[in-house]
Every structure is written in C-alpha cells, then in structure tokens.
Amino acid sequence: MCEKIIEKSTPSTPLESTPKVEYRNYLEMAKYGHYPLFFEEWLNETLPVESSMPTRKATHNVRHVFNLLARHNTVERKRTALISMDKVSRQEFIRAFFRVVEEDILKETKTLQ
C-alpha cells in the first residue's frame, strides 16, 4: 500500500520532489486517513464546521498553499509554515484540502445503479 501512496521521483531528480508530486502524495495519504501536515487539534476545530466550497475554489486554494509549502523540505517545516498562517486561512485550507480529497475519492468509486 505504501508503494501506491508515495510516487517515485524521476531519475533526473532523485532527491527532489516537485510540488505536483508532493501534492499528489499528500492527497493519497489523506485518502487512507494519514494527515502528516495537520495537528489533531486543527482537525477537531475545523472539520465539524459545515461549509460548502466549490471544488474549483478548493483545488485552487490547496494548490496555492502547496506551492508555498514546496520550498520547505521536511514535514516539520511545512507544519511550521502552516502554524504561521492566521487561524482563518489555515482552517479554510484544511476544509479545502478535505474537499479535494473527498472529490478525489468520489472520482475513483464506481457509481451505484
């Protein structure tokens, strides 16, 4: 299962990961319930709040934040960058992230007839 979650880097960049690959890896981990970027408290205070965010806006928000996080190499530094965000922006990012994950899961599931 871990092989499916973490994409291999290309031979030309063995130690670097592009923001796009990193973005997909975090989405894949989230599908299986692993959220390394978020503290438990953030999830508990953010997720019970209902908000309907269009998928397009959520995707744009998440990609923008991941582009900002791409300059940091470790999960700890990425978390620190998220800590430095104001609370409202961070909560909006978390909601958008889960909206994108939900949309990704729904794309993969077969429709019931």
PDB file of N, CA and C in Angstrom:
ATOM      1  N   MET A   1       0.824  -1.182   0.000  1.00  0.00           N
ATOM      2  CA  MET A   1       0.000   0.000   0.000  1.00  0.00           C
ATOM      3  C   MET A   1       0.873   1.252   0.000  1.00  0.00           C
ATOM      4  N   CYS A   2       2.002   1.241   0.681  1.00  0.00           N
ATOM      5  CA  CYS A   2       2.885   2.404   0.723  1.00  0.00           C
ATOM      6  C   CYS A   2       3.446   2.710  -0.650  1.00  0.00           C
ATOM      7  N   GLU A   3       3.650   1.673  -1.463  1.00  0.00           N
ATOM      8  CA  GLU A   3       4.169   1.902  -2.797  1.00  0.00           C
ATOM      9  C   GLU A   3       3.175   2.721  -3.606  1.00  0.00           C
ATOM     10  N   LYS A   4       1.894   2.478  -3.379  1.00  0.00           N
ATOM     11  CA  LYS A   4       0.877   3.211  -4.103  1.00  0.00           C
ATOM     12  C   LYS A   4       0.795   4.654  -3.617  1.00  0.00           C
ATOM     13  N   ILE A   5       1.024   4.858  -2.341  1.00  0.00           N
ATOM     14  CA  ILE A   5       0.874   6.187  -1.756  1.00  0.00           C
ATOM     15  C   ILE A   5       1.988   7.118  -2.193  1.00  0.00           C
ATOM     16  N   ILE A   6       3.208   6.666  -2.148  1.00  0.00           N
ATOM     17  CA  ILE A   6       4.344   7.539  -2.410  1.00  0.00           C
ATOM     18  C   ILE A   6       4.874   7.280  -3.812  1.00  0.00           C
ATOM     19  N   GLU A   7       4.806   8.310  -4.636  1.00  0.00           N
ATOM     20  CA  GLU A   7       5.307   8.180  -6.001  1.00  0.00           C
ATOM     21  C   GLU A   7       6.821   8.273  -6.005  1.00  0.00           C
ATOM     22  N   LYS A   8       7.416   7.546  -6.895  1.00  0.00           N
ATOM     23  CA  LYS A   8       8.868   7.577  -7.023  1.00  0.00           C
ATOM     24  C   LYS A   8       9.286   8.838  -7.768  1.00  0.00           C
ATOM     25  N   SER A   9      10.430   9.402  -7.397  1.00  0.00           N
ATOM     26  CA  SER A   9      10.929  10.576  -8.113  1.00  0.00           C
ATOM     27  C   SER A   9      11.588  10.122  -9.409  1.00  0.00           C
ATOM     28  N   THR A  10      11.655  11.020 -10.351  1.00  0.00           N
ATOM     29  CA  THR A  10      12.244  10.694 -11.643  1.00  0.00           C
ATOM     30  C   THR A  10      13.754  10.572 -11.501  1.00  0.00           C
ATOM     31  N   PRO A  11      14.409   9.817 -12.377  1.00  0.00           N
ATOM     32  CA  PRO A  11      15.861   9.648 -12.278  1.00  0.00           C
ATOM     33  C   PRO A  11      16.635  10.960 -12.385  1.00  0.00           C
ATOM     34  N   SER A  12      16.105  11.938 -13.106  1.00  0.00           N
ATOM     35  CA  SER A  12      16.832  13.198 -13.252  1.00  0.00           C
ATOM     36  C   SER A  12      16.851  14.005 -11.957  1.00  0.00           C
ATOM     37  N   THR A  13      15.875  13.774 -11.083  1.00  0.00           N
ATOM     38  CA  THR A  13      15.835  14.477  -9.803  1.00  0.00           C
ATOM     39  C   THR A  13      15.633  13.471  -8.677  1.00  0.00           C
ATOM     40  N   PRO A  14      16.644  12.703  -8.320  1.00  0.00           N
ATOM     41  CA  PRO A  14      16.457  11.633  -7.349  1.00  0.00           C
ATOM     42  C   PRO A  14      16.119  12.114  -5.943  1.00  0.00           C
ATOM     43  N   LEU A  15      16.631  13.257  -5.526  1.00  0.00           N
ATOM     44  CA  LEU A  15      16.393  13.707  -4.162  1.00  0.00           C
ATOM     45  C   LEU A  15      15.345  14.806  -4.072  1.00  0.00           C
ATOM     46  N   GLU A  16      14.955  15.366  -5.174  1.00  0.00           N
ATOM     47  CA  GLU A  16      13.995  16.451  -5.168  1.00  0.00           C
ATOM     48  C   GLU A  16      12.610  15.920  -5.486  1.00  0.00           C
ATOM     49  N   SER A  17      11.601  16.577  -4.931  1.00  0.00           N
ATOM     50  CA  SER A  17      10.241  16.249  -5.311  1.00  0.00           C
ATOM     51  C   SER A  17       9.582  17.529  -5.795  1.00  0.00           C
ATOM     52  N   THR A  18       8.877  17.420  -6.867  1.00  0.00           N
ATOM     53  CA  THR A  18       8.212  18.590  -7.411  1.00  0.00           C
ATOM     54  C   THR A  18       6.954  18.860  -6.601  1.00  0.00           C
ATOM     55  N   PRO A  19       6.471  20.095  -6.609  1.00  0.00           N
ATOM     56  CA  PRO A  19       5.245  20.401  -5.868  1.00  0.00           C
ATOM     57  C   PRO A  19       4.065  19.542  -6.316  1.00  0.00           C
ATOM     58  N   LYS A  20       3.996  19.216  -7.611  1.00  0.00           N
ATOM     59  CA  LYS A  20       2.884  18.413  -8.114  1.00  0.00           C
ATOM     60  C   LYS A  20       2.921  16.996  -7.543  1.00  0.00           C
ATOM     61  N   VAL A  21       4.101  16.390  -7.508  1.00  0.00           N
ATOM     62  CA  VAL A  21       4.247  15.038  -6.958  1.00  0.00           C
ATOM     63  C   VAL A  21       3.951  15.055  -5.464  1.00  0.00           C
ATOM     64  N   GLU A  22       4.465  16.054  -4.783  1.00  0.00           N
ATOM     65  CA  GLU A  22       4.232  16.176  -3.351  1.00  0.00           C
ATOM     66  C   GLU A  22       2.743  16.348  -3.058  1.00  0.00           C
ATOM     67  N   TYR A  23       2.077  17.168  -3.843  1.00  0.00           N
ATOM     68  CA  TYR A  23       0.639  17.404  -3.715  1.00  0.00           C
ATOM     69  C   TYR A  23      -0.128  16.089  -3.846  1.00  0.00           C
ATOM     70  N   ARG A  24       0.194  15.318  -4.880  1.00  0.00           N
ATOM     71  CA  ARG A  24      -0.482  14.030  -5.095  1.00  0.00           C
ATOM     72  C   ARG A  24      -0.194  13.059  -3.950  1.00  0.00           C
ATOM     73  N   ASN A  25       1.040  13.068  -3.439  1.00  0.00           N
ATOM     74  CA  ASN A  25       1.387  12.171  -2.337  1.00  0.00           C
ATOM     75  C   ASN A  25       0.576  12.485  -1.086  1.00  0.00           C
ATOM     76  N   TYR A  26       0.434  13.762  -0.750  1.00  0.00           N
ATOM     77  CA  TYR A  26      -0.350  14.130   0.428  1.00  0.00           C
ATOM     78  C   TYR A  26      -1.831  13.797   0.238  1.00  0.00           C
ATOM     79  N   LEU A  27      -2.346  13.946  -0.981  1.00  0.00           N
ATOM     80  CA  LEU A  27      -3.733  13.559  -1.240  1.00  0.00           C
ATOM     81  C   LEU A  27      -3.915  12.052  -1.087  1.00  0.00           C
ATOM     82  N   GLU A  28      -2.968  11.281  -1.603  1.00  0.00           N
ATOM     83  CA  GLU A  28      -3.045   9.822  -1.481  1.00  0.00           C
ATOM     84  C   GLU A  28      -2.994   9.387  -0.017  1.00  0.00           C
ATOM     85  N   MET A  29      -2.112   9.991   0.766  1.00  0.00           N
ATOM     86  CA  MET A  29      -2.031   9.648   2.187  1.00  0.00           C
ATOM     87  C   MET A  29      -3.330   9.995   2.898  1.00  0.00           C
ATOM     88  N   ALA A  30      -3.931  11.125   2.539  1.00  0.00           N
ATOM     89  CA  ALA A  30      -5.175  11.548   3.183  1.00  0.00           C
ATOM     90  C   ALA A  30      -6.319  10.590   2.866  1.00  0.00           C
ATOM     91  N   LYS A  31      -6.306   9.996   1.690  1.00  0.00           N
ATOM     92  CA  LYS A  31      -7.349   9.031   1.334  1.00  0.00           C
ATOM     93  C   LYS A  31      -7.364   7.843   2.288  1.00  0.00           C
ATOM     94  N   TYR A  32      -6.208   7.522   2.838  1.00  0.00           N
ATOM     95  CA  TYR A  32      -6.095   6.387   3.754  1.00  0.00           C
ATOM     96  C   TYR A  32      -6.064   6.819   5.216  1.00  0.00           C
ATOM     97  N   GLY A  33      -6.391   8.089   5.489  1.00  0.00           N
ATOM     98  CA  GLY A  33      -6.512   8.546   6.867  1.00  0.00           C
ATOM     99  C   GLY A  33      -5.230   9.020   7.517  1.00  0.00           C
ATOM    100  N   HIS A  34      -4.218   9.322   6.739  1.00  0.00           N
ATOM    101  CA  HIS A  34      -2.946   9.800   7.300  1.00  0.00           C
ATOM    102  C   HIS A  34      -2.772  11.267   6.915  1.00  0.00           C
ATOM    103  N   TYR A  35      -2.717  12.137   7.930  1.00  0.00           N
ATOM    104  CA  TYR A  35      -2.635  13.579   7.701  1.00  0.00           C
ATOM    105  C   TYR A  35      -1.392  14.146   8.374  1.00  0.00           C
ATOM    106  N   PRO A  36      -0.208  14.009   7.784  1.00  0.00           N
ATOM    107  CA  PRO A  36       1.024  14.428   8.451  1.00  0.00           C
ATOM    108  C   PRO A  36       1.175  15.942   8.595  1.00  0.00           C
ATOM    109  N   LEU A  37       0.454  16.722   7.809  1.00  0.00           N
ATOM    110  CA  LEU A  37       0.613  18.174   7.878  1.00  0.00           C
ATOM    111  C   LEU A  37      -0.213  18.822   8.985  1.00  0.00           C
ATOM    112  N   PHE A  38      -1.200  18.118   9.493  1.00  0.00           N
ATOM    113  CA  PHE A  38      -2.154  18.738  10.404  1.00  0.00           C
ATOM    114  C   PHE A  38      -2.063  18.153  11.804  1.00  0.00           C
ATOM    115  N   PHE A  39      -2.163  19.034  12.793  1.00  0.00           N
ATOM    116  CA  PHE A  39      -2.266  18.591  14.177  1.00  0.00           C
ATOM    117  C   PHE A  39      -3.701  18.150  14.437  1.00  0.00           C
ATOM    118  N   GLU A  40      -3.878  17.242  15.385  1.00  0.00           N
ATOM    119  CA  GLU A  40      -5.203  16.720  15.731  1.00  0.00           C
ATOM    120  C   GLU A  40      -6.156  17.849  16.145  1.00  0.00           C
ATOM    121  N   GLU A  41      -5.643  18.830  16.884  1.00  0.00           N
ATOM    122  CA  GLU A  41      -6.480  19.944  17.345  1.00  0.00           C
ATOM    123  C   GLU A  41      -7.030  20.746  16.164  1.00  0.00           C
ATOM    124  N   TRP A  42      -6.200  20.933  15.139  1.00  0.00           N
ATOM    125  CA  TRP A  42      -6.652  21.675  13.968  1.00  0.00           C
ATOM    126  C   TRP A  42      -7.816  20.959  13.298  1.00  0.00           C
ATOM    127  N   LEU A  43      -7.713  19.648  13.197  1.00  0.00           N
ATOM    128  CA  LEU A  43      -8.776  18.876  12.550  1.00  0.00           C
ATOM    129  C   LEU A  43     -10.049  18.909  13.381  1.00  0.00           C
ATOM    130  N   ASN A  44      -9.903  18.793  14.699  1.00  0.00           N
ATOM    131  CA  ASN A  44     -11.070  18.785  15.577  1.00  0.00           C
ATOM    132  C   ASN A  44     -11.817  20.108  15.566  1.00  0.00           C
ATOM    133  N   GLU A  45     -11.109  21.220  15.450  1.00  0.00           N
ATOM    134  CA  GLU A  45     -11.787  22.510  15.471  1.00  0.00           C
ATOM    135  C   GLU A  45     -12.251  22.959  14.091  1.00  0.00           C
ATOM    136  N   THR A  46     -11.708  22.395  13.044  1.00  0.00           N
ATOM    137  CA  THR A  46     -12.035  22.841  11.690  1.00  0.00           C
ATOM    138  C   THR A  46     -13.112  21.996  11.027  1.00  0.00           C
ATOM    139  N   LEU A  47     -13.013  20.696  11.142  1.00  0.00           N
ATOM    140  CA  LEU A  47     -13.883  19.817  10.362  1.00  0.00           C
ATOM    141  C   LEU A  47     -15.342  19.785  10.790  1.00  0.00           C
ATOM    142  N   PRO A  48     -15.685  19.979  12.070  1.00  0.00           N
ATOM    143  CA  PRO A  48     -17.109  19.985  12.395  1.00  0.00           C
ATOM    144  C   PRO A  48     -17.883  21.144  11.763  1.00  0.00           C
ATOM    145  N   VAL A  49     -17.212  22.204  11.374  1.00  0.00           N
ATOM    146  CA  VAL A  49     -17.870  23.361  10.771  1.00  0.00           C
ATOM    147  C   VAL A  49     -18.266  23.011   9.342  1.00  0.00           C
ATOM    148  N   GLU A  50     -19.554  23.161   9.054  1.00  0.00           N
ATOM    149  CA  GLU A  50     -20.047  22.859   7.712  1.00  0.00           C
ATOM    150  C   GLU A  50     -19.812  24.058   6.798  1.00  0.00           C
ATOM    151  N   SER A  51     -19.262  23.804   5.654  1.00  0.00           N
ATOM    152  CA  SER A  51     -19.126  24.850   4.643  1.00  0.00           C
ATOM    153  C   SER A  51     -19.122  24.185   3.279  1.00  0.00           C
ATOM    154  N   SER A  52     -19.877  24.759   2.394  1.00  0.00           N
ATOM    155  CA  SER A  52     -19.891  24.206   1.036  1.00  0.00           C
ATOM    156  C   SER A  52     -18.974  25.069   0.177  1.00  0.00           C
ATOM    157  N   MET A  53     -17.867  24.491  -0.193  1.00  0.00           N
ATOM    158  CA  MET A  53     -16.883  25.191  -1.008  1.00  0.00           C
ATOM    159  C   MET A  53     -16.867  24.531  -2.378  1.00  0.00           C
ATOM    160  N   PRO A  54     -16.987  25.327  -3.423  1.00  0.00           N
ATOM    161  CA  PRO A  54     -16.910  24.734  -4.763  1.00  0.00           C
ATOM    162  C   PRO A  54     -15.569  24.024  -4.972  1.00  0.00           C
ATOM    163  N   THR A  55     -15.599  22.946  -5.704  1.00  0.00           N
ATOM    164  CA  THR A  55     -14.398  22.147  -5.923  1.00  0.00           C
ATOM    165  C   THR A  55     -13.302  22.948  -6.610  1.00  0.00           C
ATOM    166  N   ARG A  56     -13.676  23.769  -7.536  1.00  0.00           N
ATOM    167  CA  ARG A  56     -12.681  24.563  -8.265  1.00  0.00           C
ATOM    168  C   ARG A  56     -11.938  25.515  -7.325  1.00  0.00           C
ATOM    169  N   LYS A  57     -12.686  26.182  -6.445  1.00  0.00           N
ATOM    170  CA  LYS A  57     -12.068  27.104  -5.486  1.00  0.00           C
ATOM    171  C   LYS A  57     -11.197  26.334  -4.499  1.00  0.00           C
ATOM    172  N   ALA A  58     -11.684  25.185  -4.043  1.00  0.00           N
ATOM    173  CA  ALA A  58     -10.918  24.364  -3.103  1.00  0.00           C
ATOM    174  C   ALA A  58      -9.609  23.901  -3.734  1.00  0.00           C
ATOM    175  N   THR A  59      -9.671  23.451  -4.968  1.00  0.00           N
ATOM    176  CA  THR A  59      -8.465  22.989  -5.656  1.00  0.00           C
ATOM    177  C   THR A  59      -7.464  24.125  -5.822  1.00  0.00           C
ATOM    178  N   HIS A  60      -7.949  25.294  -6.194  1.00  0.00           N
ATOM    179  CA  HIS A  60      -7.064  26.450  -6.353  1.00  0.00           C
ATOM    180  C   HIS A  60      -6.403  26.809  -5.024  1.00  0.00           C
ATOM    181  N   ASN A  61      -7.183  26.835  -3.956  1.00  0.00           N
ATOM    182  CA  ASN A  61      -6.668  27.167  -2.626  1.00  0.00           C
ATOM    183  C   ASN A  61      -5.594  26.171  -2.199  1.00  0.00           C
ATOM    184  N   VAL A  62      -5.870  24.895  -2.352  1.00  0.00           N
ATOM    185  CA  VAL A  62      -4.929  23.855  -1.922  1.00  0.00           C
ATOM    186  C   VAL A  62      -3.646  23.906  -2.754  1.00  0.00           C
ATOM    187  N   ARG A  63      -3.765  24.052  -4.051  1.00  0.00           N
ATOM    188  CA  ARG A  63      -2.564  24.124  -4.898  1.00  0.00           C
ATOM    189  C   ARG A  63      -1.721  25.355  -4.569  1.00  0.00           C
ATOM    190  N   HIS A  64      -2.389  26.476  -4.282  1.00  0.00           N
ATOM    191  CA  HIS A  64      -1.657  27.695  -3.927  1.00  0.00           C
ATOM    192  C   HIS A  64      -0.845  27.488  -2.649  1.00  0.00           C
ATOM    193  N   VAL A  65      -1.469  26.919  -1.630  1.00  0.00           N
ATOM    194  CA  VAL A  65      -0.760  26.694  -0.367  1.00  0.00           C
ATOM    195  C   VAL A  65       0.353  25.671  -0.560  1.00  0.00           C
ATOM    196  N   PHE A  66       0.119  24.625  -1.338  1.00  0.00           N
ATOM    197  CA  PHE A  66       1.175  23.636  -1.578  1.00  0.00           C
ATOM    198  C   PHE A  66       2.347  24.242  -2.343  1.00  0.00           C
ATOM    199  N   ASN A  67       2.083  25.186  -3.223  1.00  0.00           N
ATOM    200  CA  ASN A  67       3.191  25.871  -3.896  1.00  0.00           C
ATOM    201  C   ASN A  67       4.015  26.674  -2.899  1.00  0.00           C
ATOM    202  N   LEU A  68       3.356  27.263  -1.906  1.00  0.00           N
ATOM    203  CA  LEU A  68       4.084  27.985  -0.860  1.00  0.00           C
ATOM    204  C   LEU A  68       4.874  27.025   0.033  1.00  0.00           C
ATOM    205  N   LEU A  69       4.302  25.855   0.298  1.00  0.00           N
ATOM    206  CA  LEU A  69       4.964  24.876   1.161  1.00  0.00           C
ATOM    207  C   LEU A  69       6.094  24.140   0.444  1.00  0.00           C
ATOM    208  N   ALA A  70       6.127  24.207  -0.863  1.00  0.00           N
ATOM    209  CA  ALA A  70       7.106  23.441  -1.643  1.00  0.00           C
ATOM    210  C   ALA A  70       8.546  23.833  -1.341  1.00  0.00           C
ATOM    211  N   ARG A  71       8.753  25.041  -0.863  1.00  0.00           N
ATOM    212  CA  ARG A  71      10.136  25.468  -0.590  1.00  0.00           C
ATOM    213  C   ARG A  71      10.702  24.832   0.671  1.00  0.00           C
ATOM    214  N   HIS A  72       9.831  24.229   1.487  1.00  0.00           N
ATOM    215  CA  HIS A  72      10.276  23.566   2.712  1.00  0.00           C
ATOM    216  C   HIS A  72      10.469  22.080   2.436  1.00  0.00           C
ATOM    217  N   ASN A  73      11.537  21.512   2.968  1.00  0.00           N
ATOM    218  CA  ASN A  73      11.887  20.131   2.643  1.00  0.00           C
ATOM    219  C   ASN A  73      11.293  19.100   3.585  1.00  0.00           C
ATOM    220  N   THR A  74      11.049  19.445   4.828  1.00  0.00           N
ATOM    221  CA  THR A  74      10.573  18.457   5.793  1.00  0.00           C
ATOM    222  C   THR A  74       9.133  18.751   6.199  1.00  0.00           C
ATOM    223  N   VAL A  75       8.481  17.721   6.712  1.00  0.00           N
ATOM    224  CA  VAL A  75       7.107  17.869   7.179  1.00  0.00           C
ATOM    225  C   VAL A  75       7.049  18.846   8.350  1.00  0.00           C
ATOM    226  N   GLU A  76       8.056  18.824   9.207  1.00  0.00           N
ATOM    227  CA  GLU A  76       8.073  19.725  10.359  1.00  0.00           C
ATOM    228  C   GLU A  76       8.105  21.184   9.911  1.00  0.00           C
ATOM    229  N   ARG A  77       8.886  21.475   8.900  1.00  0.00           N
ATOM    230  CA  ARG A  77       8.954  22.855   8.405  1.00  0.00           C
ATOM    231  C   ARG A  77       7.658  23.252   7.704  1.00  0.00           C
ATOM    232  N   LYS A  78       7.046  22.301   7.023  1.00  0.00           N
ATOM    233  CA  LYS A  78       5.761  22.583   6.383  1.00  0.00           C
ATOM    234  C   LYS A  78       4.706  22.870   7.449  1.00  0.00           C
ATOM    235  N   ARG A  79       4.719  22.094   8.530  1.00  0.00           N
ATOM    236  CA  ARG A  79       3.800  22.350   9.643  1.00  0.00           C
ATOM    237  C   ARG A  79       4.049  23.720  10.254  1.00  0.00           C
ATOM    238  N   THR A  80       5.315  24.072  10.412  1.00  0.00           N
ATOM    239  CA  THR A  80       5.654  25.384  10.966  1.00  0.00           C
ATOM    240  C   THR A  80       5.116  26.498  10.069  1.00  0.00           C
ATOM    241  N   ALA A  81       5.205  26.305   8.768  1.00  0.00           N
ATOM    242  CA  ALA A  81       4.652  27.297   7.838  1.00  0.00           C
ATOM    243  C   ALA A  81       3.136  27.390   7.999  1.00  0.00           C
ATOM    244  N   LEU A  82       2.486  26.253   8.219  1.00  0.00           N
ATOM    245  CA  LEU A  82       1.038  26.278   8.442  1.00  0.00           C
ATOM    246  C   LEU A  82       0.698  26.934   9.779  1.00  0.00           C
ATOM    247  N   ILE A  83       1.541  26.738  10.789  1.00  0.00           N
ATOM    248  CA  ILE A  83       1.329  27.387  12.084  1.00  0.00           C
ATOM    249  C   ILE A  83       1.387  28.903  11.920  1.00  0.00           C
ATOM    250  N   SER A  84       2.269  29.374  11.054  1.00  0.00           N
ATOM    251  CA  SER A  84       2.427  30.819  10.883  1.00  0.00           C
ATOM    252  C   SER A  84       1.250  31.462  10.147  1.00  0.00           C
ATOM    253  N   MET A  85       0.423  30.658   9.487  1.00  0.00           N
ATOM    254  CA  MET A  85      -0.766  31.209   8.830  1.00  0.00           C
ATOM    255  C   MET A  85      -1.749  31.659   9.899  1.00  0.00           C
ATOM    256  N   ASP A  86      -2.579  32.652   9.561  1.00  0.00           N
ATOM    257  CA  ASP A  86      -3.601  33.024  10.534  1.00  0.00           C
ATOM    258  C   ASP A  86      -4.648  31.912  10.596  1.00  0.00           C
ATOM    259  N   LYS A  87      -5.362  31.860  11.709  1.00  0.00           N
ATOM    260  CA  LYS A  87      -6.253  30.734  12.001  1.00  0.00           C
ATOM    261  C   LYS A  87      -7.328  30.547  10.925  1.00  0.00           C
ATOM    262  N   VAL A  88      -7.913  31.639  10.465  1.00  0.00           N
ATOM    263  CA  VAL A  88      -8.984  31.550   9.470  1.00  0.00           C
ATOM    264  C   VAL A  88      -8.457  30.982   8.149  1.00  0.00           C
ATOM    265  N   SER A  89      -7.304  31.451   7.715  1.00  0.00           N
ATOM    266  CA  SER A  89      -6.714  30.944   6.465  1.00  0.00           C
ATOM    267  C   SER A  89      -6.357  29.473   6.580  1.00  0.00           C
ATOM    268  N   ARG A  90      -5.813  29.094   7.731  1.00  0.00           N
ATOM    269  CA  ARG A  90      -5.447  27.693   7.943  1.00  0.00           C
ATOM    270  C   ARG A  90      -6.692  26.811   7.931  1.00  0.00           C
ATOM    271  N   GLN A  91      -7.764  27.260   8.589  1.00  0.00           N
ATOM    272  CA  GLN A  91      -8.995  26.472   8.607  1.00  0.00           C
ATOM    273  C   GLN A  91      -9.595  26.365   7.209  1.00  0.00           C
ATOM    274  N   GLU A  92      -9.535  27.442   6.455  1.00  0.00           N
ATOM    275  CA  GLU A  92     -10.034  27.397   5.081  1.00  0.00           C
ATOM    276  C   GLU A  92      -9.211  26.420   4.243  1.00  0.00           C
ATOM    277  N   PHE A  93      -7.895  26.417   4.444  1.00  0.00           N
ATOM    278  CA  PHE A  93      -7.033  25.481   3.726  1.00  0.00           C
ATOM    279  C   PHE A  93      -7.367  24.038   4.095  1.00  0.00           C
ATOM    280  N   ILE A  94      -7.577  23.764   5.379  1.00  0.00           N
ATOM    281  CA  ILE A  94      -7.889  22.395   5.811  1.00  0.00           C
ATOM    282  C   ILE A  94      -9.213  21.948   5.212  1.00  0.00           C
ATOM    283  N   ARG A  95     -10.233  22.820   5.249  1.00  0.00           N
ATOM    284  CA  ARG A  95     -11.517  22.467   4.658  1.00  0.00           C
ATOM    285  C   ARG A  95     -11.375  22.222   3.154  1.00  0.00           C
ATOM    286  N   ALA A  96     -10.607  23.074   2.489  1.00  0.00           N
ATOM    287  CA  ALA A  96     -10.390  22.916   1.049  1.00  0.00           C
ATOM    288  C   ALA A  96      -9.647  21.616   0.760  1.00  0.00           C
ATOM    289  N   PHE A  97      -8.647  21.303   1.575  1.00  0.00           N
ATOM    290  CA  PHE A  97      -7.884  20.070   1.397  1.00  0.00           C
ATOM    291  C   PHE A  97      -8.809  18.854   1.494  1.00  0.00           C
ATOM    292  N   PHE A  98      -9.679  18.838   2.504  1.00  0.00           N
ATOM    293  CA  PHE A  98     -10.584  17.706   2.657  1.00  0.00           C
ATOM    294  C   PHE A  98     -11.628  17.668   1.548  1.00  0.00           C
ATOM    295  N   ARG A  99     -12.012  18.815   1.021  1.00  0.00           N
ATOM    296  CA  ARG A  99     -12.938  18.850  -0.112  1.00  0.00           C
ATOM    297  C   ARG A  99     -12.282  18.214  -1.341  1.00  0.00           C
ATOM    298  N   VAL A 100     -11.016  18.529  -1.573  1.00  0.00           N
ATOM    299  CA  VAL A 100     -10.284  17.964  -2.713  1.00  0.00           C
ATOM    300  C   VAL A 100     -10.105  16.460  -2.530  1.00  0.00           C
ATOM    301  N   VAL A 101      -9.787  16.028  -1.319  1.00  0.00           N
ATOM    302  CA  VAL A 101      -9.636  14.594  -1.044  1.00  0.00           C
ATOM    303  C   VAL A 101     -10.964  13.878  -1.273  1.00  0.00           C
ATOM    304  N   GLU A 102     -12.053  14.468  -0.785  1.00  0.00           N
ATOM    305  CA  GLU A 102     -13.374  13.875  -0.974  1.00  0.00           C
ATOM    306  C   GLU A 102     -13.706  13.754  -2.458  1.00  0.00           C
ATOM    307  N   GLU A 103     -13.448  14.795  -3.212  1.00  0.00           N
ATOM    308  CA  GLU A 103     -13.708  14.776  -4.649  1.00  0.00           C
ATOM    309  C   GLU A 103     -12.867  13.707  -5.345  1.00  0.00           C
ATOM    310  N   ASP A 104     -11.630  13.570  -4.929  1.00  0.00           N
ATOM    311  CA  ASP A 104     -10.727  12.567  -5.499  1.00  0.00           C
ATOM    312  C   ASP A 104     -11.231  11.150  -5.212  1.00  0.00           C
ATOM    313  N   ILE A 105     -11.709  10.922  -4.005  1.00  0.00           N
ATOM    314  CA  ILE A 105     -12.251   9.610  -3.640  1.00  0.00           C
ATOM    315  C   ILE A 105     -13.503   9.311  -4.453  1.00  0.00           C
ATOM    316  N   LEU A 106     -14.373  10.310  -4.601  1.00  0.00           N
ATOM    317  CA  LEU A 106     -15.608  10.103  -5.357  1.00  0.00           C
ATOM    318  C   LEU A 106     -15.338   9.819  -6.832  1.00  0.00           C
ATOM    319  N   LYS A 107     -14.283  10.382  -7.379  1.00  0.00           N
ATOM    320  CA  LYS A 107     -13.929  10.104  -8.775  1.00  0.00           C
ATOM    321  C   LYS A 107     -13.536   8.648  -8.967  1.00  0.00           C
ATOM    322  N   GLU A 108     -12.908   8.070  -7.941  1.00  0.00           N
ATOM    323  CA  GLU A 108     -12.420   6.696  -8.053  1.00  0.00           C
ATOM    324  C   GLU A 108     -13.500   5.646  -7.827  1.00  0.00           C
ATOM    325  N   THR A 109     -14.540   5.988  -7.088  1.00  0.00           N
ATOM    326  CA  THR A 109     -15.555   4.991  -6.758  1.00  0.00           C
ATOM    327  C   THR A 109     -16.489   4.770  -7.940  1.00  0.00           C
ATOM    328  N   LYS A 110     -16.953   3.565  -8.036  1.00  0.00           N
ATOM    329  CA  LYS A 110     -17.912   3.222  -9.073  1.00  0.00           C
ATOM    330  C   LYS A 110     -19.289   3.716  -8.639  1.00  0.00           C
ATOM    331  N   THR A 111     -20.069   4.153  -9.596  1.00  0.00           N
ATOM    332  CA  THR A 111     -21.412   4.619  -9.275  1.00  0.00           C
ATOM    333  C   THR A 111     -22.335   3.429  -9.085  1.00  0.00           C
ATOM    334  N   LEU A 112     -23.262   3.570  -8.154  1.00  0.00           N
ATOM    335  CA  LEU A 112     -24.237   2.509  -7.902  1.00  0.00           C
ATOM    336  C   LEU A 112     -25.442   2.709  -8.804  1.00  0.00           C
ATOM    337  N   GLN A 113     -25.936   1.599  -9.349  1.00  0.00           N
ATOM    338  CA  GLN A 113     -27.111   1.693 -10.209  1.00  0.00           C
ATOM    339  C   GLN A 113     -28.163   0.734  -9.744  1.00  0.00           C
TER     340      GLN A 113
END
